[in-house]
């Protein structure tokens, strides 16, 4: 659900670029990939917060995995 929400967030921007023949398709694909990267990391972080209460070791491992997805995809930086 988070992925569909993020894609719908990018839809107005994608509609603006859809008027340009080649760039519109490439830009739409890039927006979908960015939405997939963002939502996969944020979903893992959200789920891990709930798991930390019940199974702390699994929750912390999931939290590190979600942060790793975001850092390795270069969406966020820790500077």
Protein backbone atom coordinates (compact mmCIF):
# COMPACT_ATOMS: atom_id res chain seq x y z
CA UNK A 1 0.00 0.00 0.00
CA UNK A 2 2.88 2.32 0.74
CA UNK A 3 4.25 1.69 -2.76
CA UNK A 4 0.97 2.59 -4.44
CA UNK A 5 0.70 5.72 -2.32
CA UNK A 6 4.22 6.79 -3.24
CA UNK A 7 3.56 6.16 -6.94
CA UNK A 8 0.38 8.23 -6.71
CA UNK A 9 2.45 10.95 -5.03
CA UNK A 10 4.71 11.03 -8.11
CA UNK A 11 1.82 10.87 -10.63
CA UNK A 12 1.44 14.66 -11.10
CA UNK A 13 5.16 14.99 -11.83
CA UNK A 14 5.05 12.00 -14.19
CA UNK A 15 2.05 13.54 -15.98
CA UNK A 16 4.01 16.73 -16.60
CA UNK A 17 6.89 14.83 -18.17
CA UNK A 18 4.65 12.44 -20.15
CA UNK A 19 4.25 15.09 -22.85
CA UNK A 20 7.88 14.65 -23.87
CA UNK A 21 8.03 11.40 -25.91
CA UNK A 22 11.20 9.62 -24.80
CA UNK A 23 12.01 11.48 -21.59
CA UNK A 24 8.50 10.93 -20.21
CA UNK A 25 8.81 7.15 -20.25
CA UNK A 26 12.29 7.18 -18.78
CA UNK A 27 11.26 9.64 -16.07
CA UNK A 28 8.20 7.55 -15.18
CA UNK A 29 10.37 4.45 -14.84
CA UNK A 30 12.84 6.33 -12.63
CA UNK A 31 9.99 7.58 -10.41
CA UNK A 32 8.64 4.04 -9.98
CA UNK A 33 12.11 2.70 -9.10
CA UNK A 34 12.62 5.50 -6.56
CA UNK A 35 9.21 4.76 -5.06
CA UNK A 36 10.10 1.06 -4.83
CA UNK A 37 13.41 1.80 -3.09
CA UNK A 38 11.85 4.26 -0.66
CA UNK A 39 8.92 2.07 0.26
CA UNK A 40 10.94 -1.11 0.66
CA UNK A 41 13.23 0.56 3.17
CA UNK A 42 10.51 2.46 5.00
CA UNK A 43 8.25 -0.60 5.14
CA UNK A 44 11.02 -2.68 6.71
CA UNK A 45 11.67 0.08 9.25
CA UNK A 46 7.97 0.37 10.11
CA UNK A 47 7.55 -3.38 10.52
CA UNK A 48 10.75 -3.65 12.55
CA UNK A 49 9.53 -1.07 15.08
CA UNK A 50 6.56 -3.32 15.85
CA UNK A 51 8.77 -6.42 16.00
CA UNK A 52 11.23 -4.83 18.43
CA UNK A 53 8.59 -4.99 21.16
CA UNK A 54 7.80 -8.69 20.73
CA UNK A 55 11.05 -10.13 19.35
CA UNK A 56 13.86 -7.63 19.89
CA UNK A 57 16.64 -9.48 18.07
CA UNK A 58 14.56 -10.04 14.93
CA UNK A 59 13.25 -6.48 15.09
CA UNK A 60 16.73 -4.98 15.34
CA UNK A 61 17.93 -7.14 12.44
CA UNK A 62 15.00 -5.96 10.33
CA UNK A 63 15.70 -2.36 11.33
CA UNK A 64 19.31 -2.70 10.20
CA UNK A 65 18.11 -4.29 6.96
CA UNK A 66 15.72 -1.43 6.27
CA UNK A 67 18.40 1.15 6.94
CA UNK A 68 20.82 -0.80 4.74
CA UNK A 69 18.32 -0.73 1.86
CA UNK A 70 17.95 3.03 2.16
CA UNK A 71 21.66 3.71 2.54
CA UNK A 72 22.74 1.35 -0.23
CA UNK A 73 20.17 2.83 -2.61
CA UNK A 74 21.64 6.25 -1.76
CA UNK A 75 18.22 7.65 -0.92
CA UNK A 76 19.38 8.91 2.45
CA UNK A 77 22.84 9.69 3.72
CA UNK A 78 24.22 9.67 7.22
CA UNK A 79 26.81 12.43 7.22
